[in-house]
PDB file of N, CA and C in Angstrom:
ATOM      1  N   UNK A   1     110.756  55.895-101.209  1.00  0.00           N
ATOM      2  CA  UNK A   1     110.453  55.664 -99.786  1.00  0.00           C
ATOM      3  C   UNK A   1     111.245  56.625 -98.897  1.00  0.00           C
ATOM      4  N   UNK A   2     112.541  56.793 -99.220  1.00  0.00           N
ATOM      5  CA  UNK A   2     113.356  57.694 -98.389  1.00  0.00           C
ATOM      6  C   UNK A   2     112.882  59.135 -98.521  1.00  0.00           C
ATOM      7  N   UNK A   3     112.436  59.505 -99.728  1.00  0.00           N
ATOM      8  CA  UNK A   3     111.941  60.864 -99.930  1.00  0.00           C
ATOM      9  C   UNK A   3     110.704  61.107 -99.070  1.00  0.00           C
ATOM     10  N   UNK A   4     109.847  60.106 -98.973  1.00  0.00           N
ATOM     11  CA  UNK A   4     108.641  60.198 -98.152  1.00  0.00           C
ATOM     12  C   UNK A   4     109.025  60.335 -96.681  1.00  0.00           C
ATOM     13  N   UNK A   5     110.034  59.563 -96.241  1.00  0.00           N
ATOM     14  CA  UNK A   5     110.490  59.656 -94.846  1.00  0.00           C
ATOM     15  C   UNK A   5     111.044  61.036 -94.546  1.00  0.00           C
ATOM     16  N   UNK A   6     111.863  61.559 -95.483  1.00  0.00           N
ATOM     17  CA  UNK A   6     112.439  62.895 -95.289  1.00  0.00           C
ATOM     18  C   UNK A   6     111.327  63.938 -95.229  1.00  0.00           C
ATOM     19  N   UNK A   7     110.357  63.800 -96.137  1.00  0.00           N
ATOM     20  CA  UNK A   7     109.244  64.740 -96.169  1.00  0.00           C
ATOM     21  C   UNK A   7     108.442  64.708 -94.884  1.00  0.00           C
ATOM     22  N   UNK A   8     108.166  63.513 -94.367  1.00  0.00           N
ATOM     23  CA  UNK A   8     107.389  63.399 -93.137  1.00  0.00           C
ATOM     24  C   UNK A   8     108.179  63.928 -91.943  1.00  0.00           C
ATOM     25  N   UNK A   9     109.493  63.685 -91.924  1.00  0.00           N
ATOM     26  CA  UNK A   9     110.302  64.187 -90.807  1.00  0.00           C
ATOM     27  C   UNK A   9     110.373  65.708 -90.845  1.00  0.00           C
ATOM     28  N   UNK A  10     110.462  66.274 -92.063  1.00  0.00           N
ATOM     29  CA  UNK A  10     110.462  67.730 -92.203  1.00  0.00           C
ATOM     30  C   UNK A  10     109.138  68.296 -91.710  1.00  0.00           C
ATOM     31  N   UNK A  11     108.043  67.620 -92.101  1.00  0.00           N
ATOM     32  CA  UNK A  11     106.715  68.052 -91.673  1.00  0.00           C
ATOM     33  C   UNK A  11     106.600  67.994 -90.153  1.00  0.00           C
ATOM     34  N   UNK A  12     107.110  66.918 -89.548  1.00  0.00           N
ATOM     35  CA  UNK A  12     107.079  66.770 -88.094  1.00  0.00           C
ATOM     36  C   UNK A  12     107.903  67.877 -87.429  1.00  0.00           C
ATOM     37  N   UNK A  13     109.078  68.177 -88.001  1.00  0.00           N
ATOM     38  CA  UNK A  13     109.920  69.240 -87.459  1.00  0.00           C
ATOM     39  C   UNK A  13     109.229  70.592 -87.537  1.00  0.00           C
ATOM     40  N   UNK A  14     108.547  70.845 -88.653  1.00  0.00           N
ATOM     41  CA  UNK A  14     107.810  72.104 -88.811  1.00  0.00           C
ATOM     42  C   UNK A  14     106.696  72.186 -87.768  1.00  0.00           C
ATOM     43  N   UNK A  15     105.968  71.083 -87.580  1.00  0.00           N
ATOM     44  CA  UNK A  15     104.899  71.048 -86.585  1.00  0.00           C
ATOM     45  C   UNK A  15     105.451  71.278 -85.183  1.00  0.00           C
ATOM     46  N   UNK A  16     106.583  70.650 -84.868  1.00  0.00           N
ATOM     47  CA  UNK A  16     107.212  70.847 -83.562  1.00  0.00           C
ATOM     48  C   UNK A  16     107.638  72.294 -83.367  1.00  0.00           C
ATOM     49  N   UNK A  17     108.200  72.890 -84.411  1.00  0.00           N
ATOM     50  CA  UNK A  17     108.624  74.287 -84.339  1.00  0.00           C
ATOM     51  C   UNK A  17     107.428  75.190 -84.088  1.00  0.00           C
ATOM     52  N   UNK A  18     106.313  74.923 -84.785  1.00  0.00           N
ATOM     53  CA  UNK A  18     105.105  75.715 -84.579  1.00  0.00           C
ATOM     54  C   UNK A  18     104.589  75.557 -83.155  1.00  0.00           C
ATOM     55  N   UNK A  19     104.629  74.323 -82.641  1.00  0.00           N
ATOM     56  CA  UNK A  19     104.157  74.059 -81.292  1.00  0.00           C
ATOM     57  C   UNK A  19     104.998  74.804 -80.261  1.00  0.00           C
ATOM     58  N   UNK A  20     106.328  74.735 -80.443  1.00  0.00           N
ATOM     59  CA  UNK A  20     107.238  75.439 -79.535  1.00  0.00           C
ATOM     60  C   UNK A  20     106.988  76.941 -79.588  1.00  0.00           C
ATOM     61  N   UNK A  21     106.848  77.474 -80.802  1.00  0.00           N
ATOM     62  CA  UNK A  21     106.589  78.909 -80.968  1.00  0.00           C
ATOM     63  C   UNK A  21     105.285  79.291 -80.279  1.00  0.00           C
ATOM     64  N   UNK A  22     104.254  78.449 -80.437  1.00  0.00           N
ATOM     65  CA  UNK A  22     102.954  78.704 -79.821  1.00  0.00           C
ATOM     66  C   UNK A  22     103.071  78.719 -78.303  1.00  0.00           C
ATOM     67  N   UNK A  23     103.804  77.743 -77.742  1.00  0.00           N
ATOM     68  CA  UNK A  23     103.983  77.684 -76.298  1.00  0.00           C
ATOM     69  C   UNK A  23     104.749  78.899 -75.795  1.00  0.00           C
ATOM     70  N   UNK A  24     105.804  79.275 -76.512  1.00  0.00           N
ATOM     71  CA  UNK A  24     106.596  80.447 -76.127  1.00  0.00           C
ATOM     72  C   UNK A  24     105.727  81.695 -76.155  1.00  0.00           C
ATOM     73  N   UNK A  25     104.893  81.816 -77.198  1.00  0.00           N
ATOM     74  CA  UNK A  25     104.005  82.969 -77.344  1.00  0.00           C
ATOM     75  C   UNK A  25     103.022  83.037 -76.183  1.00  0.00           C
ATOM     76  N   UNK A  26     102.406  81.889 -75.843  1.00  0.00           N
ATOM     77  CA  UNK A  26     101.461  81.851 -74.729  1.00  0.00           C
ATOM     78  C   UNK A  26     102.134  82.169 -73.408  1.00  0.00           C
ATOM     79  N   UNK A  27     103.345  81.614 -73.206  1.00  0.00           N
ATOM     80  CA  UNK A  27     104.077  81.882 -71.974  1.00  0.00           C
ATOM     81  C   UNK A  27     104.412  83.364 -71.869  1.00  0.00           C
ATOM     82  N   UNK A  28     104.820  83.950 -72.994  1.00  0.00           N
ATOM     83  CA  UNK A  28     105.151  85.377 -72.993  1.00  0.00           C
ATOM     84  C   UNK A  28     103.922  86.209 -72.674  1.00  0.00           C
ATOM     85  N   UNK A  29     102.765  85.831 -73.247  1.00  0.00           N
ATOM     86  CA  UNK A  29     101.531  86.546 -72.956  1.00  0.00           C
ATOM     87  C   UNK A  29     101.197  86.452 -71.473  1.00  0.00           C
ATOM     88  N   UNK A  30     101.374  85.247 -70.895  1.00  0.00           N
ATOM     89  CA  UNK A  30     101.100  85.038 -69.484  1.00  0.00           C
ATOM     90  C   UNK A  30     102.022  85.908 -68.634  1.00  0.00           C
ATOM     91  N   UNK A  31     103.325  85.929 -68.988  1.00  0.00           N
ATOM     92  CA  UNK A  31     104.282  86.737 -68.234  1.00  0.00           C
ATOM     93  C   UNK A  31     103.962  88.218 -68.352  1.00  0.00           C
ATOM     94  N   UNK A  32     103.525  88.663 -69.536  1.00  0.00           N
ATOM     95  CA  UNK A  32     103.134  90.057 -69.717  1.00  0.00           C
ATOM     96  C   UNK A  32     101.948  90.397 -68.830  1.00  0.00           C
ATOM     97  N   UNK A  33     100.988  89.462 -68.740  1.00  0.00           N
ATOM     98  CA  UNK A  33      99.808  89.661 -67.905  1.00  0.00           C
ATOM     99  C   UNK A  33     100.219  89.778 -66.437  1.00  0.00           C
ATOM    100  N   UNK A  34     101.108  88.857 -65.999  1.00  0.00           N
ATOM    101  CA  UNK A  34     101.583  88.875 -64.616  1.00  0.00           C
ATOM    102  C   UNK A  34     102.333  90.175 -64.336  1.00  0.00           C
ATOM    103  N   UNK A  35     103.195  90.575 -65.284  1.00  0.00           N
ATOM    104  CA  UNK A  35     103.969  91.799 -65.113  1.00  0.00           C
ATOM    105  C   UNK A  35     103.045  93.000 -65.018  1.00  0.00           C
ATOM    106  N   UNK A  36     102.004  93.018 -65.855  1.00  0.00           N
ATOM    107  CA  UNK A  36     101.036  94.111 -65.845  1.00  0.00           C
ATOM    108  C   UNK A  36     100.329  94.180 -64.493  1.00  0.00           C
ATOM    109  N   UNK A  37      99.912  93.015 -63.979  1.00  0.00           N
ATOM    110  CA  UNK A  37      99.241  92.976 -62.688  1.00  0.00           C
ATOM    111  C   UNK A  37     100.177  93.422 -61.568  1.00  0.00           C
ATOM    112  N   UNK A  38     101.455  92.993 -61.640  1.00  0.00           N
ATOM    113  CA  UNK A  38     102.419  93.399 -60.625  1.00  0.00           C
ATOM    114  C   UNK A  38     102.671  94.898 -60.668  1.00  0.00           C
ATOM    115  N   UNK A  39     102.766  95.457 -61.877  1.00  0.00           N
ATOM    116  CA  UNK A  39     103.023  96.894 -61.996  1.00  0.00           C
ATOM    117  C   UNK A  39     101.830  97.696 -61.482  1.00  0.00           C
ATOM    118  N   UNK A  40     100.606  97.220 -61.769  1.00  0.00           N
ATOM    119  CA  UNK A  40      99.421  97.921 -61.270  1.00  0.00           C
ATOM    120  C   UNK A  40      99.350  97.816 -59.751  1.00  0.00           C
ATOM    121  N   UNK A  41      99.737  96.649 -59.222  1.00  0.00           N
ATOM    122  CA  UNK A  41      99.790  96.468 -57.774  1.00  0.00           C
ATOM    123  C   UNK A  41     100.829  97.396 -57.157  1.00  0.00           C
ATOM    124  N   UNK A  42     101.976  97.509 -57.822  1.00  0.00           N
ATOM    125  CA  UNK A  42     103.043  98.387 -57.330  1.00  0.00           C
ATOM    126  C   UNK A  42     102.591  99.837 -57.332  1.00  0.00           C
ATOM    127  N   UNK A  43     101.911 100.263 -58.382  1.00  0.00           N
ATOM    128  CA  UNK A  43     101.425 101.646 -58.433  1.00  0.00           C
ATOM    129  C   UNK A  43     100.370 101.870 -57.358  1.00  0.00           C
ATOM    130  N   UNK A  44      99.540 100.865 -57.118  1.00  0.00           N
ATOM    131  CA  UNK A  44      98.531 100.956 -56.061  1.00  0.00           C
ATOM    132  C   UNK A  44      99.196 101.118 -54.706  1.00  0.00           C
ATOM    133  N   UNK A  45     100.211 100.300 -54.444  1.00  0.00           N
ATOM    134  CA  UNK A  45     100.954 100.385 -53.191  1.00  0.00           C
ATOM    135  C   UNK A  45     101.616 101.751 -53.061  1.00  0.00           C
ATOM    136  N   UNK A  46     102.207 102.235 -54.150  1.00  0.00           N
ATOM    137  CA  UNK A  46     102.862 103.548 -54.131  1.00  0.00           C
ATOM    138  C   UNK A  46     101.846 104.654 -53.897  1.00  0.00           C
ATOM    139  N   UNK A  47     100.632 104.473 -54.401  1.00  0.00           N
ATOM    140  CA  UNK A  47      99.583 105.464 -54.155  1.00  0.00           C
ATOM    141  C   UNK A  47      99.134 105.410 -52.701  1.00  0.00           C
ATOM    142  N   UNK A  48      99.035 104.201 -52.157  1.00  0.00           N
ATOM    143  CA  UNK A  48      98.551 104.047 -50.795  1.00  0.00           C
ATOM    144  C   UNK A  48      99.582 104.481 -49.760  1.00  0.00           C
ATOM    145  N   UNK A  49     100.845 104.148 -50.010  1.00  0.00           N
ATOM    146  CA  UNK A  49     101.859 104.388 -48.999  1.00  0.00           C
ATOM    147  C   UNK A  49     102.089 105.852 -48.660  1.00  0.00           C
ATOM    148  N   UNK A  50     102.149 106.778 -49.622  1.00  0.00           N
ATOM    149  CA  UNK A  50     102.327 108.182 -49.252  1.00  0.00           C
ATOM    150  C   UNK A  50     101.209 108.690 -48.353  1.00  0.00           C
ATOM    151  N   UNK A  51      99.967 108.283 -48.629  1.00  0.00           N
ATOM    152  CA  UNK A  51      98.851 108.716 -47.799  1.00  0.00           C
ATOM    153  C   UNK A  51      98.966 108.117 -46.398  1.00  0.00           C
ATOM    154  N   UNK A  52      99.386 106.836 -46.330  1.00  0.00           N
ATOM    155  CA  UNK A  52      99.582 106.190 -45.035  1.00  0.00           C
ATOM    156  C   UNK A  52     100.714 106.875 -44.277  1.00  0.00           C
ATOM    157  N   UNK A  53     101.783 107.236 -44.984  1.00  0.00           N
ATOM    158  CA  UNK A  53     102.910 107.914 -44.362  1.00  0.00           C
ATOM    159  C   UNK A  53     102.489 109.300 -43.875  1.00  0.00           C
ATOM    160  N   UNK A  54     101.658 109.965 -44.699  1.00  0.00           N
ATOM    161  CA  UNK A  54     101.176 111.288 -44.311  1.00  0.00           C
ATOM    162  C   UNK A  54     100.317 111.183 -43.052  1.00  0.00           C
ATOM    163  N   UNK A  55      99.464 110.152 -42.972  1.00  0.00           N
ATOM    164  CA  UNK A  55      98.637 109.948 -41.783  1.00  0.00           C
ATOM    165  C   UNK A  55      99.519 109.679 -40.562  1.00  0.00           C
ATOM    166  N   UNK A  56     100.566 108.881 -40.763  1.00  0.00           N
ATOM    167  CA  UNK A  56     101.472 108.571 -39.659  1.00  0.00           C
ATOM    168  C   UNK A  56     102.173 109.839 -39.175  1.00  0.00           C
ATOM    169  N   UNK A  57     102.572 110.702 -40.079  1.00  0.00           N
ATOM    170  CA  UNK A  57     103.244 111.928 -39.668  1.00  0.00           C
ATOM    171  C   UNK A  57     102.255 112.894 -39.024  1.00  0.00           C
ATOM    172  N   UNK A  58     100.990 112.827 -39.469  1.00  0.00           N
ATOM    173  CA  UNK A  58      99.979 113.679 -38.842  1.00  0.00           C
ATOM    174  C   UNK A  58      99.756 113.260 -37.389  1.00  0.00           C
ATOM    175  N   UNK A  59      99.764 111.940 -37.153  1.00  0.00           N
ATOM    176  CA  UNK A  59      99.576 111.481 -35.784  1.00  0.00           C
ATOM    177  C   UNK A  59     100.849 111.741 -35.008  1.00  0.00           C
TER     178      UNK A  59
END
């Protein structure tokens, strides 16, 4: 009986570890996506701002 309890608790721990790893992986993917969008937004802003600055200096 105790061996069965130990086995089931080990199985539960393994399942919990997999779940945590899965959540961490998904969160990391989400953060990578957000970071990618922010970097593309930053490059867009950097592309736009020099032209806006050039227009301002032209005026």
